[in-house]
Amino acid sequence: MRGVELRLQKLENSLNIVFSAVAQLKAQIDSLNSQIAKVGPLSTDVQVEEFKTVPLKEARSMVKEYISKNPSCLTSNIIFDLHLEPDLVLKALGELKKAGKIRSEEVV
């Protein structure tokens, strides 16, 4: 009988530890839910950058002028600051580089 009582006592102690851990987790979840509620719902409004398309000759001119004013700019700077289609900027850069009007450096 004594062995059964000891096993029951150990089982009860283990259950108390588990119940305590579950209570702590519930408290943490409640705290997180409270913090989330304070932040409020996330906005699903995503602004999409609108890029314009211009004739390639005009794009070359715009890109060349931009680079002359911002000599160490990145391609992404040109695209976003001028609001030009990325493919158009890449094509303009390629032509300007081929013509020797600009040079590029690899960013490390």
PDB file of N, CA and C in Angstrom:
ATOM      1  N   MET A   1       0.797  -1.193   0.000  1.00  0.00           N
ATOM      2  CA  MET A   1       0.000   0.000   0.000  1.00  0.00           C
ATOM      3  C   MET A   1       0.844   1.264   0.000  1.00  0.00           C
ATOM      4  N   ARG A   2       1.885   1.242   0.758  1.00  0.00           N
ATOM      5  CA  ARG A   2       2.747   2.422   0.865  1.00  0.00           C
ATOM      6  C   ARG A   2       3.346   2.780  -0.489  1.00  0.00           C
ATOM      7  N   GLY A   3       3.738   1.779  -1.310  1.00  0.00           N
ATOM      8  CA  GLY A   3       4.299   2.018  -2.637  1.00  0.00           C
ATOM      9  C   GLY A   3       3.297   2.695  -3.564  1.00  0.00           C
ATOM     10  N   VAL A   4       2.032   2.288  -3.466  1.00  0.00           N
ATOM     11  CA  VAL A   4       0.970   2.875  -4.286  1.00  0.00           C
ATOM     12  C   VAL A   4       0.765   4.334  -3.889  1.00  0.00           C
ATOM     13  N   GLU A   5       0.778   4.604  -2.601  1.00  0.00           N
ATOM     14  CA  GLU A   5       0.608   5.968  -2.120  1.00  0.00           C
ATOM     15  C   GLU A   5       1.759   6.872  -2.595  1.00  0.00           C
ATOM     16  N   LEU A   6       2.972   6.344  -2.589  1.00  0.00           N
ATOM     17  CA  LEU A   6       4.121   7.130  -3.065  1.00  0.00           C
ATOM     18  C   LEU A   6       4.007   7.434  -4.550  1.00  0.00           C
ATOM     19  N   ARG A   7       3.586   6.433  -5.315  1.00  0.00           N
ATOM     20  CA  ARG A   7       3.417   6.658  -6.760  1.00  0.00           C
ATOM     21  C   ARG A   7       2.303   7.675  -7.020  1.00  0.00           C
ATOM     22  N   LEU A   8       1.233   7.591  -6.277  1.00  0.00           N
ATOM     23  CA  LEU A   8       0.138   8.559  -6.432  1.00  0.00           C
ATOM     24  C   LEU A   8       0.608   9.969  -6.064  1.00  0.00           C
ATOM     25  N   GLN A   9       1.413  10.069  -5.010  1.00  0.00           N
ATOM     26  CA  GLN A   9       1.941  11.369  -4.584  1.00  0.00           C
ATOM     27  C   GLN A   9       2.854  11.953  -5.674  1.00  0.00           C
ATOM     28  N   LYS A  10       3.727  11.101  -6.275  1.00  0.00           N
ATOM     29  CA  LYS A  10       4.605  11.557  -7.359  1.00  0.00           C
ATOM     30  C   LYS A  10       3.784  12.005  -8.562  1.00  0.00           C
ATOM     31  N   LEU A  11       2.743  11.233  -8.859  1.00  0.00           N
ATOM     32  CA  LEU A  11       1.879  11.586  -9.982  1.00  0.00           C
ATOM     33  C   LEU A  11       1.181  12.920  -9.727  1.00  0.00           C
ATOM     34  N   GLU A  12       0.702  13.112  -8.501  1.00  0.00           N
ATOM     35  CA  GLU A  12       0.048  14.373  -8.135  1.00  0.00           C
ATOM     36  C   GLU A  12       1.028  15.539  -8.223  1.00  0.00           C
ATOM     37  N   ASN A  13       2.267  15.344  -7.775  1.00  0.00           N
ATOM     38  CA  ASN A  13       3.285  16.391  -7.882  1.00  0.00           C
ATOM     39  C   ASN A  13       3.580  16.725  -9.339  1.00  0.00           C
ATOM     40  N   SER A  14       3.688  15.708 -10.177  1.00  0.00           N
ATOM     41  CA  SER A  14       3.942  15.931 -11.610  1.00  0.00           C
ATOM     42  C   SER A  14       2.794  16.695 -12.256  1.00  0.00           C
ATOM     43  N   LEU A  15       1.578  16.314 -11.905  1.00  0.00           N
ATOM     44  CA  LEU A  15       0.410  17.013 -12.444  1.00  0.00           C
ATOM     45  C   LEU A  15       0.385  18.470 -11.996  1.00  0.00           C
ATOM     46  N   ASN A  16       0.743  18.733 -10.760  1.00  0.00           N
ATOM     47  CA  ASN A  16       0.793  20.113 -10.262  1.00  0.00           C
ATOM     48  C   ASN A  16       1.809  20.937 -11.048  1.00  0.00           C
ATOM     49  N   ILE A  17       2.951  20.330 -11.365  1.00  0.00           N
ATOM     50  CA  ILE A  17       3.973  21.023 -12.170  1.00  0.00           C
ATOM     51  C   ILE A  17       3.434  21.325 -13.561  1.00  0.00           C
ATOM     52  N   VAL A  18       2.769  20.344 -14.168  1.00  0.00           N
ATOM     53  CA  VAL A  18       2.200  20.544 -15.510  1.00  0.00           C
ATOM     54  C   VAL A  18       1.127  21.622 -15.473  1.00  0.00           C
ATOM     55  N   PHE A  19       0.224  21.567 -14.487  1.00  0.00           N
ATOM     56  CA  PHE A  19      -0.836  22.577 -14.388  1.00  0.00           C
ATOM     57  C   PHE A  19      -0.249  23.966 -14.184  1.00  0.00           C
ATOM     58  N   SER A  20       0.807  24.068 -13.414  1.00  0.00           N
ATOM     59  CA  SER A  20       1.463  25.350 -13.185  1.00  0.00           C
ATOM     60  C   SER A  20       2.056  25.887 -14.492  1.00  0.00           C
ATOM     61  N   ALA A  21       2.710  25.000 -15.254  1.00  0.00           N
ATOM     62  CA  ALA A  21       3.299  25.417 -16.536  1.00  0.00           C
ATOM     63  C   ALA A  21       2.215  25.857 -17.503  1.00  0.00           C
ATOM     64  N   VAL A  22       1.102  25.142 -17.542  1.00  0.00           N
ATOM     65  CA  VAL A  22      -0.014  25.506 -18.423  1.00  0.00           C
ATOM     66  C   VAL A  22      -0.573  26.871 -18.014  1.00  0.00           C
ATOM     67  N   ALA A  23      -0.701  27.118 -16.718  1.00  0.00           N
ATOM     68  CA  ALA A  23      -1.204  28.400 -16.232  1.00  0.00           C
ATOM     69  C   ALA A  23      -0.264  29.534 -16.630  1.00  0.00           C
ATOM     70  N   GLN A  24       1.045  29.296 -16.547  1.00  0.00           N
ATOM     71  CA  GLN A  24       2.020  30.313 -16.955  1.00  0.00           C
ATOM     72  C   GLN A  24       1.915  30.596 -18.449  1.00  0.00           C
ATOM     73  N   LEU A  25       1.784  29.536 -19.254  1.00  0.00           N
ATOM     74  CA  LEU A  25       1.636  29.727 -20.702  1.00  0.00           C
ATOM     75  C   LEU A  25       0.363  30.495 -21.035  1.00  0.00           C
ATOM     76  N   LYS A  26      -0.724  30.166 -20.342  1.00  0.00           N
ATOM     77  CA  LYS A  26      -1.983  30.886 -20.570  1.00  0.00           C
ATOM     78  C   LYS A  26      -1.820  32.368 -20.237  1.00  0.00           C
ATOM     79  N   ALA A  27      -1.116  32.665 -19.144  1.00  0.00           N
ATOM     80  CA  ALA A  27      -0.889  34.060 -18.754  1.00  0.00           C
ATOM     81  C   ALA A  27      -0.062  34.786 -19.826  1.00  0.00           C
ATOM     82  N   GLN A  28       0.936  34.110 -20.362  1.00  0.00           N
ATOM     83  CA  GLN A  28       1.759  34.720 -21.415  1.00  0.00           C
ATOM     84  C   GLN A  28       0.941  34.956 -22.675  1.00  0.00           C
ATOM     85  N   ILE A  29       0.092  33.991 -23.034  1.00  0.00           N
ATOM     86  CA  ILE A  29      -0.769  34.144 -24.215  1.00  0.00           C
ATOM     87  C   ILE A  29      -1.731  35.308 -24.015  1.00  0.00           C
ATOM     88  N   ASP A  30      -2.316  35.411 -22.841  1.00  0.00           N
ATOM     89  CA  ASP A  30      -3.229  36.520 -22.545  1.00  0.00           C
ATOM     90  C   ASP A  30      -2.504  37.860 -22.640  1.00  0.00           C
ATOM     91  N   SER A  31      -1.270  37.900 -22.137  1.00  0.00           N
ATOM     92  CA  SER A  31      -0.477  39.131 -22.208  1.00  0.00           C
ATOM     93  C   SER A  31      -0.191  39.509 -23.659  1.00  0.00           C
ATOM     94  N   LEU A  32       0.183  38.520 -24.467  1.00  0.00           N
ATOM     95  CA  LEU A  32       0.452  38.786 -25.886  1.00  0.00           C
ATOM     96  C   LEU A  32      -0.811  39.253 -26.608  1.00  0.00           C
ATOM     97  N   ASN A  33      -1.930  38.608 -26.313  1.00  0.00           N
ATOM     98  CA  ASN A  33      -3.192  39.027 -26.928  1.00  0.00           C
ATOM     99  C   ASN A  33      -3.536  40.460 -26.549  1.00  0.00           C
ATOM    100  N   SER A  34      -3.258  40.829 -25.310  1.00  0.00           N
ATOM    101  CA  SER A  34      -3.506  42.190 -24.852  1.00  0.00           C
ATOM    102  C   SER A  34      -2.630  43.187 -25.615  1.00  0.00           C
ATOM    103  N   GLN A  35      -1.363  42.835 -25.787  1.00  0.00           N
ATOM    104  CA  GLN A  35      -0.440  43.709 -26.526  1.00  0.00           C
ATOM    105  C   GLN A  35      -0.865  43.844 -27.982  1.00  0.00           C
ATOM    106  N   ILE A  36      -1.300  42.738 -28.567  1.00  0.00           N
ATOM    107  CA  ILE A  36      -1.760  42.767 -29.960  1.00  0.00           C
ATOM    108  C   ILE A  36      -2.989  43.658 -30.089  1.00  0.00           C
ATOM    109  N   ALA A  37      -3.884  43.558 -29.117  1.00  0.00           N
ATOM    110  CA  ALA A  37      -5.106  44.376 -29.149  1.00  0.00           C
ATOM    111  C   ALA A  37      -4.772  45.864 -29.080  1.00  0.00           C
ATOM    112  N   LYS A  38      -3.720  46.220 -28.333  1.00  0.00           N
ATOM    113  CA  LYS A  38      -3.315  47.625 -28.235  1.00  0.00           C
ATOM    114  C   LYS A  38      -2.801  48.151 -29.567  1.00  0.00           C
ATOM    115  N   VAL A  39      -2.101  47.292 -30.314  1.00  0.00           N
ATOM    116  CA  VAL A  39      -1.555  47.695 -31.612  1.00  0.00           C
ATOM    117  C   VAL A  39      -2.677  47.904 -32.602  1.00  0.00           C
ATOM    118  N   GLY A  40      -3.701  47.101 -32.513  1.00  0.00           N
ATOM    119  CA  GLY A  40      -4.828  47.215 -33.419  1.00  0.00           C
ATOM    120  C   GLY A  40      -4.603  46.379 -34.660  1.00  0.00           C
ATOM    121  N   PRO A  41      -5.585  46.354 -35.515  1.00  0.00           N
ATOM    122  CA  PRO A  41      -5.471  45.530 -36.722  1.00  0.00           C
ATOM    123  C   PRO A  41      -4.400  46.087 -37.654  1.00  0.00           C
ATOM    124  N   LEU A  42      -3.745  45.183 -38.345  1.00  0.00           N
ATOM    125  CA  LEU A  42      -2.741  45.586 -39.318  1.00  0.00           C
ATOM    126  C   LEU A  42      -3.431  46.101 -40.568  1.00  0.00           C
ATOM    127  N   SER A  43      -2.858  47.116 -41.138  1.00  0.00           N
ATOM    128  CA  SER A  43      -3.412  47.670 -42.361  1.00  0.00           C
ATOM    129  C   SER A  43      -3.087  46.761 -43.535  1.00  0.00           C
ATOM    130  N   THR A  44      -4.086  46.520 -44.336  1.00  0.00           N
ATOM    131  CA  THR A  44      -3.856  45.710 -45.536  1.00  0.00           C
ATOM    132  C   THR A  44      -3.728  46.609 -46.762  1.00  0.00           C
ATOM    133  N   ASP A  45      -3.763  47.915 -46.531  1.00  0.00           N
ATOM    134  CA  ASP A  45      -3.598  48.850 -47.638  1.00  0.00           C
ATOM    135  C   ASP A  45      -2.121  48.924 -47.990  1.00  0.00           C
ATOM    136  N   VAL A  46      -1.780  48.413 -49.137  1.00  0.00           N
ATOM    137  CA  VAL A  46      -0.406  48.437 -49.594  1.00  0.00           C
ATOM    138  C   VAL A  46      -0.338  49.392 -50.774  1.00  0.00           C
ATOM    139  N   GLN A  47       0.547  50.358 -50.650  1.00  0.00           N
ATOM    140  CA  GLN A  47       0.696  51.280 -51.759  1.00  0.00           C
ATOM    141  C   GLN A  47       1.677  50.689 -52.757  1.00  0.00           C
ATOM    142  N   VAL A  48       1.227  50.603 -53.978  1.00  0.00           N
ATOM    143  CA  VAL A  48       2.066  50.066 -55.031  1.00  0.00           C
ATOM    144  C   VAL A  48       2.670  51.239 -55.791  1.00  0.00           C
ATOM    145  N   GLU A  49       3.980  51.194 -55.928  1.00  0.00           N
ATOM    146  CA  GLU A  49       4.686  52.249 -56.655  1.00  0.00           C
ATOM    147  C   GLU A  49       4.269  52.181 -58.126  1.00  0.00           C
ATOM    148  N   GLU A  50       3.865  53.310 -58.671  1.00  0.00           N
ATOM    149  CA  GLU A  50       3.499  53.343 -60.075  1.00  0.00           C
ATOM    150  C   GLU A  50       4.664  53.906 -60.865  1.00  0.00           C
ATOM    151  N   PHE A  51       5.103  53.133 -61.827  1.00  0.00           N
ATOM    152  CA  PHE A  51       6.212  53.535 -62.676  1.00  0.00           C
ATOM    153  C   PHE A  51       5.679  53.980 -64.018  1.00  0.00           C
ATOM    154  N   LYS A  52       6.369  54.947 -64.578  1.00  0.00           N
ATOM    155  CA  LYS A  52       5.927  55.434 -65.880  1.00  0.00           C
ATOM    156  C   LYS A  52       6.865  54.918 -66.970  1.00  0.00           C
ATOM    157  N   THR A  53       6.318  54.873 -68.142  1.00  0.00           N
ATOM    158  CA  THR A  53       7.091  54.474 -69.314  1.00  0.00           C
ATOM    159  C   THR A  53       7.194  55.693 -70.219  1.00  0.00           C
ATOM    160  N   VAL A  54       8.410  56.002 -70.608  1.00  0.00           N
ATOM    161  CA  VAL A  54       8.666  57.103 -71.540  1.00  0.00           C
ATOM    162  C   VAL A  54       9.478  56.528 -72.692  1.00  0.00           C
ATOM    163  N   PRO A  55       9.598  57.261 -73.785  1.00  0.00           N
ATOM    164  CA  PRO A  55      10.446  56.770 -74.869  1.00  0.00           C
ATOM    165  C   PRO A  55      11.879  56.555 -74.368  1.00  0.00           C
ATOM    166  N   LEU A  56      12.560  55.569 -74.932  1.00  0.00           N
ATOM    167  CA  LEU A  56      13.902  55.208 -74.495  1.00  0.00           C
ATOM    168  C   LEU A  56      14.857  56.399 -74.565  1.00  0.00           C
ATOM    169  N   LYS A  57      14.743  57.202 -75.610  1.00  0.00           N
ATOM    170  CA  LYS A  57      15.621  58.367 -75.751  1.00  0.00           C
ATOM    171  C   LYS A  57      15.440  59.306 -74.560  1.00  0.00           C
ATOM    172  N   GLU A  58      14.204  59.536 -74.170  1.00  0.00           N
ATOM    173  CA  GLU A  58      13.919  60.399 -73.023  1.00  0.00           C
ATOM    174  C   GLU A  58      14.430  59.769 -71.729  1.00  0.00           C
ATOM    175  N   ALA A  59      14.250  58.452 -71.611  1.00  0.00           N
ATOM    176  CA  ALA A  59      14.727  57.747 -70.418  1.00  0.00           C
ATOM    177  C   ALA A  59      16.243  57.860 -70.305  1.00  0.00           C
ATOM    178  N   ARG A  60      16.960  57.700 -71.432  1.00  0.00           N
ATOM    179  CA  ARG A  60      18.424  57.837 -71.407  1.00  0.00           C
ATOM    180  C   ARG A  60      18.818  59.214 -70.908  1.00  0.00           C
ATOM    181  N   SER A  61      18.140  60.233 -71.403  1.00  0.00           N
ATOM    182  CA  SER A  61      18.431  61.604 -71.004  1.00  0.00           C
ATOM    183  C   SER A  61      18.169  61.812 -69.509  1.00  0.00           C
ATOM    184  N   MET A  62      17.035  61.301 -69.030  1.00  0.00           N
ATOM    185  CA  MET A  62      16.676  61.450 -67.627  1.00  0.00           C
ATOM    186  C   MET A  62      17.681  60.721 -66.732  1.00  0.00           C
ATOM    187  N   VAL A  63      18.045  59.519 -67.139  1.00  0.00           N
ATOM    188  CA  VAL A  63      18.975  58.711 -66.349  1.00  0.00           C
ATOM    189  C   VAL A  63      20.355  59.360 -66.328  1.00  0.00           C
ATOM    190  N   LYS A  64      20.796  59.834 -67.474  1.00  0.00           N
ATOM    191  CA  LYS A  64      22.118  60.473 -67.551  1.00  0.00           C
ATOM    192  C   LYS A  64      22.155  61.713 -66.654  1.00  0.00           C
ATOM    193  N   GLU A  65      21.105  62.518 -66.708  1.00  0.00           N
ATOM    194  CA  GLU A  65      21.038  63.723 -65.878  1.00  0.00           C
ATOM    195  C   GLU A  65      21.008  63.360 -64.389  1.00  0.00           C
ATOM    196  N   TYR A  66      20.235  62.326 -64.054  1.00  0.00           N
ATOM    197  CA  TYR A  66      20.148  61.892 -62.664  1.00  0.00           C
ATOM    198  C   TYR A  66      21.521  61.459 -62.149  1.00  0.00           C
ATOM    199  N   ILE A  67      22.227  60.685 -62.971  1.00  0.00           N
ATOM    200  CA  ILE A  67      23.545  60.194 -62.561  1.00  0.00           C
ATOM    201  C   ILE A  67      24.535  61.350 -62.425  1.00  0.00           C
ATOM    202  N   SER A  68      24.420  62.347 -63.287  1.00  0.00           N
ATOM    203  CA  SER A  68      25.346  63.480 -63.183  1.00  0.00           C
ATOM    204  C   SER A  68      25.131  64.246 -61.875  1.00  0.00           C
ATOM    205  N   LYS A  69      23.904  64.252 -61.379  1.00  0.00           N
ATOM    206  CA  LYS A  69      23.603  64.928 -60.115  1.00  0.00           C
ATOM    207  C   LYS A  69      23.814  64.019 -58.899  1.00  0.00           C
ATOM    208  N   ASN A  70      23.807  62.702 -59.125  1.00  0.00           N
ATOM    209  CA  ASN A  70      23.944  61.716 -58.044  1.00  0.00           C
ATOM    210  C   ASN A  70      24.958  60.656 -58.470  1.00  0.00           C
ATOM    211  N   PRO A  71      26.237  61.005 -58.527  1.00  0.00           N
ATOM    212  CA  PRO A  71      27.240  60.127 -59.129  1.00  0.00           C
ATOM    213  C   PRO A  71      27.389  58.735 -58.511  1.00  0.00           C
ATOM    214  N   SER A  72      27.119  58.577 -57.249  1.00  0.00           N
ATOM    215  CA  SER A  72      27.295  57.251 -56.658  1.00  0.00           C
ATOM    216  C   SER A  72      25.956  56.576 -56.378  1.00  0.00           C
ATOM    217  N   CYS A  73      24.957  56.869 -57.190  1.00  0.00           N
ATOM    218  CA  CYS A  73      23.615  56.324 -56.985  1.00  0.00           C
ATOM    219  C   CYS A  73      23.545  54.848 -57.369  1.00  0.00           C
ATOM    220  N   LEU A  74      22.539  54.215 -56.858  1.00  0.00           N
ATOM    221  CA  LEU A  74      22.252  52.828 -57.207  1.00  0.00           C
ATOM    222  C   LEU A  74      21.170  52.796 -58.266  1.00  0.00           C
ATOM    223  N   THR A  75      21.091  51.705 -58.981  1.00  0.00           N
ATOM    224  CA  THR A  75      20.042  51.553 -59.988  1.00  0.00           C
ATOM    225  C   THR A  75      18.671  51.715 -59.353  1.00  0.00           C
ATOM    226  N   SER A  76      18.493  51.168 -58.158  1.00  0.00           N
ATOM    227  CA  SER A  76      17.193  51.286 -57.488  1.00  0.00           C
ATOM    228  C   SER A  76      16.857  52.745 -57.177  1.00  0.00           C
ATOM    229  N   ASN A  77      17.877  53.568 -56.873  1.00  0.00           N
ATOM    230  CA  ASN A  77      17.632  55.001 -56.647  1.00  0.00           C
ATOM    231  C   ASN A  77      17.065  55.640 -57.911  1.00  0.00           C
ATOM    232  N   ILE A  78      17.658  55.307 -59.024  1.00  0.00           N
ATOM    233  CA  ILE A  78      17.201  55.882 -60.299  1.00  0.00           C
ATOM    234  C   ILE A  78      15.754  55.479 -60.550  1.00  0.00           C
ATOM    235  N   ILE A  79      15.480  54.201 -60.400  1.00  0.00           N
ATOM    236  CA  ILE A  79      14.130  53.686 -60.669  1.00  0.00           C
ATOM    237  C   ILE A  79      13.097  54.380 -59.783  1.00  0.00           C
ATOM    238  N   PHE A  80      13.346  54.408 -58.472  1.00  0.00           N
ATOM    239  CA  PHE A  80      12.340  54.951 -57.559  1.00  0.00           C
ATOM    240  C   PHE A  80      12.274  56.469 -57.571  1.00  0.00           C
ATOM    241  N   ASP A  81      13.405  57.120 -57.719  1.00  0.00           N
ATOM    242  CA  ASP A  81      13.372  58.584 -57.724  1.00  0.00           C
ATOM    243  C   ASP A  81      12.777  59.151 -59.010  1.00  0.00           C
ATOM    244  N   LEU A  82      13.028  58.475 -60.125  1.00  0.00           N
ATOM    245  CA  LEU A  82      12.483  58.953 -61.397  1.00  0.00           C
ATOM    246  C   LEU A  82      11.128  58.316 -61.718  1.00  0.00           C
ATOM    247  N   HIS A  83      10.730  57.329 -60.931  1.00  0.00           N
ATOM    248  CA  HIS A  83       9.461  56.615 -61.151  1.00  0.00           C
ATOM    249  C   HIS A  83       9.394  56.001 -62.554  1.00  0.00           C
ATOM    250  N   LEU A  84      10.518  55.475 -63.000  1.00  0.00           N
ATOM    251  CA  LEU A  84      10.564  54.858 -64.324  1.00  0.00           C
ATOM    252  C   LEU A  84      10.505  53.342 -64.206  1.00  0.00           C
ATOM    253  N   GLU A  85       9.917  52.708 -65.215  1.00  0.00           N
ATOM    254  CA  GLU A  85       9.859  51.249 -65.265  1.00  0.00           C
ATOM    255  C   GLU A  85      11.264  50.682 -65.120  1.00  0.00           C
ATOM    256  N   PRO A  86      11.447  49.698 -64.246  1.00  0.00           N
ATOM    257  CA  PRO A  86      12.780  49.115 -64.039  1.00  0.00           C
ATOM    258  C   PRO A  86      13.446  48.620 -65.323  1.00  0.00           C
ATOM    259  N   ASP A  87      12.696  47.927 -66.179  1.00  0.00           N
ATOM    260  CA  ASP A  87      13.286  47.427 -67.428  1.00  0.00           C
ATOM    261  C   ASP A  87      13.764  48.564 -68.318  1.00  0.00           C
ATOM    262  N   LEU A  88      13.032  49.650 -68.319  1.00  0.00           N
ATOM    263  CA  LEU A  88      13.409  50.812 -69.119  1.00  0.00           C
ATOM    264  C   LEU A  88      14.705  51.426 -68.591  1.00  0.00           C
ATOM    265  N   VAL A  89      14.819  51.535 -67.280  1.00  0.00           N
ATOM    266  CA  VAL A  89      16.040  52.081 -66.681  1.00  0.00           C
ATOM    267  C   VAL A  89      17.227  51.179 -66.995  1.00  0.00           C
ATOM    268  N   LEU A  90      17.048  49.890 -66.872  1.00  0.00           N
ATOM    269  CA  LEU A  90      18.140  48.960 -67.169  1.00  0.00           C
ATOM    270  C   LEU A  90      18.586  49.062 -68.630  1.00  0.00           C
ATOM    271  N   LYS A  91      17.623  49.183 -69.515  1.00  0.00           N
ATOM    272  CA  LYS A  91      17.955  49.315 -70.945  1.00  0.00           C
ATOM    273  C   LYS A  91      18.697  50.631 -71.192  1.00  0.00           C
ATOM    274  N   ALA A  92      18.223  51.720 -70.587  1.00  0.00           N
ATOM    275  CA  ALA A  92      18.876  53.021 -70.748  1.00  0.00           C
ATOM    276  C   ALA A  92      20.295  52.975 -70.193  1.00  0.00           C
ATOM    277  N   LEU A  93      20.463  52.367 -69.018  1.00  0.00           N
ATOM    278  CA  LEU A  93      21.793  52.243 -68.425  1.00  0.00           C
ATOM    279  C   LEU A  93      22.726  51.437 -69.322  1.00  0.00           C
ATOM    280  N   GLY A  94      22.211  50.354 -69.865  1.00  0.00           N
ATOM    281  CA  GLY A  94      23.021  49.520 -70.758  1.00  0.00           C
ATOM    282  C   GLY A  94      23.499  50.291 -71.971  1.00  0.00           C
ATOM    283  N   GLU A  95      22.603  51.055 -72.576  1.00  0.00           N
ATOM    284  CA  GLU A  95      22.971  51.841 -73.758  1.00  0.00           C
ATOM    285  C   GLU A  95      23.960  52.952 -73.401  1.00  0.00           C
ATOM    286  N   LEU A  96      23.731  53.622 -72.281  1.00  0.00           N
ATOM    287  CA  LEU A  96      24.649  54.684 -71.856  1.00  0.00           C
ATOM    288  C   LEU A  96      26.037  54.126 -71.552  1.00  0.00           C
ATOM    289  N   LYS A  97      26.074  52.979 -70.923  1.00  0.00           N
ATOM    290  CA  LYS A  97      27.360  52.357 -70.606  1.00  0.00           C
ATOM    291  C   LYS A  97      28.074  51.923 -71.897  1.00  0.00           C
ATOM    292  N   LYS A  98      27.337  51.334 -72.801  1.00  0.00           N
ATOM    293  CA  LYS A  98      27.908  50.873 -74.065  1.00  0.00           C
ATOM    294  C   LYS A  98      28.462  52.046 -74.870  1.00  0.00           C
ATOM    295  N   ALA A  99      27.787  53.190 -74.780  1.00  0.00           N
ATOM    296  CA  ALA A  99      28.233  54.385 -75.507  1.00  0.00           C
ATOM    297  C   ALA A  99      29.360  55.109 -74.771  1.00  0.00           C
ATOM    298  N   GLY A 100      29.736  54.613 -73.601  1.00  0.00           N
ATOM    299  CA  GLY A 100      30.812  55.233 -72.839  1.00  0.00           C
ATOM    300  C   GLY A 100      30.430  56.504 -72.106  1.00  0.00           C
ATOM    301  N   LYS A 101      29.136  56.738 -71.957  1.00  0.00           N
ATOM    302  CA  LYS A 101      28.677  57.975 -71.303  1.00  0.00           C
ATOM    303  C   LYS A 101      28.599  57.833 -69.792  1.00  0.00           C
ATOM    304  N   ILE A 102      28.546  56.603 -69.313  1.00  0.00           N
ATOM    305  CA  ILE A 102      28.556  56.344 -67.874  1.00  0.00           C
ATOM    306  C   ILE A 102      29.427  55.126 -67.614  1.00  0.00           C
ATOM    307  N   ARG A 103      29.808  54.964 -66.368  1.00  0.00           N
ATOM    308  CA  ARG A 103      30.501  53.741 -65.982  1.00  0.00           C
ATOM    309  C   ARG A 103      29.812  53.221 -64.735  1.00  0.00           C
ATOM    310  N   SER A 104      29.950  51.930 -64.538  1.00  0.00           N
ATOM    311  CA  SER A 104      29.285  51.351 -63.364  1.00  0.00           C
ATOM    312  C   SER A 104      30.319  50.686 -62.469  1.00  0.00           C
ATOM    313  N   GLU A 105      29.955  50.600 -61.214  1.00  0.00           N
ATOM    314  CA  GLU A 105      30.797  49.927 -60.237  1.00  0.00           C
ATOM    315  C   GLU A 105      29.932  48.921 -59.498  1.00  0.00           C
ATOM    316  N   GLU A 106      30.533  47.782 -59.210  1.00  0.00           N
ATOM    317  CA  GLU A 106      29.808  46.751 -58.469  1.00  0.00           C
ATOM    318  C   GLU A 106      29.779  47.127 -56.996  1.00  0.00           C
ATOM    319  N   VAL A 107      28.611  47.032 -56.413  1.00  0.00           N
ATOM    320  CA  VAL A 107      28.458  47.344 -54.995  1.00  0.00           C
ATOM    321  C   VAL A 107      28.772  46.074 -54.210  1.00  0.00           C
ATOM    322  N   VAL A 108      29.652  46.235 -53.211  1.00  0.00           N
ATOM    323  CA  VAL A 108      30.046  45.085 -52.399  1.00  0.00           C
ATOM    324  C   VAL A 108      29.385  45.145 -51.060  1.00  0.00           C
TER     325      VAL A 108
END
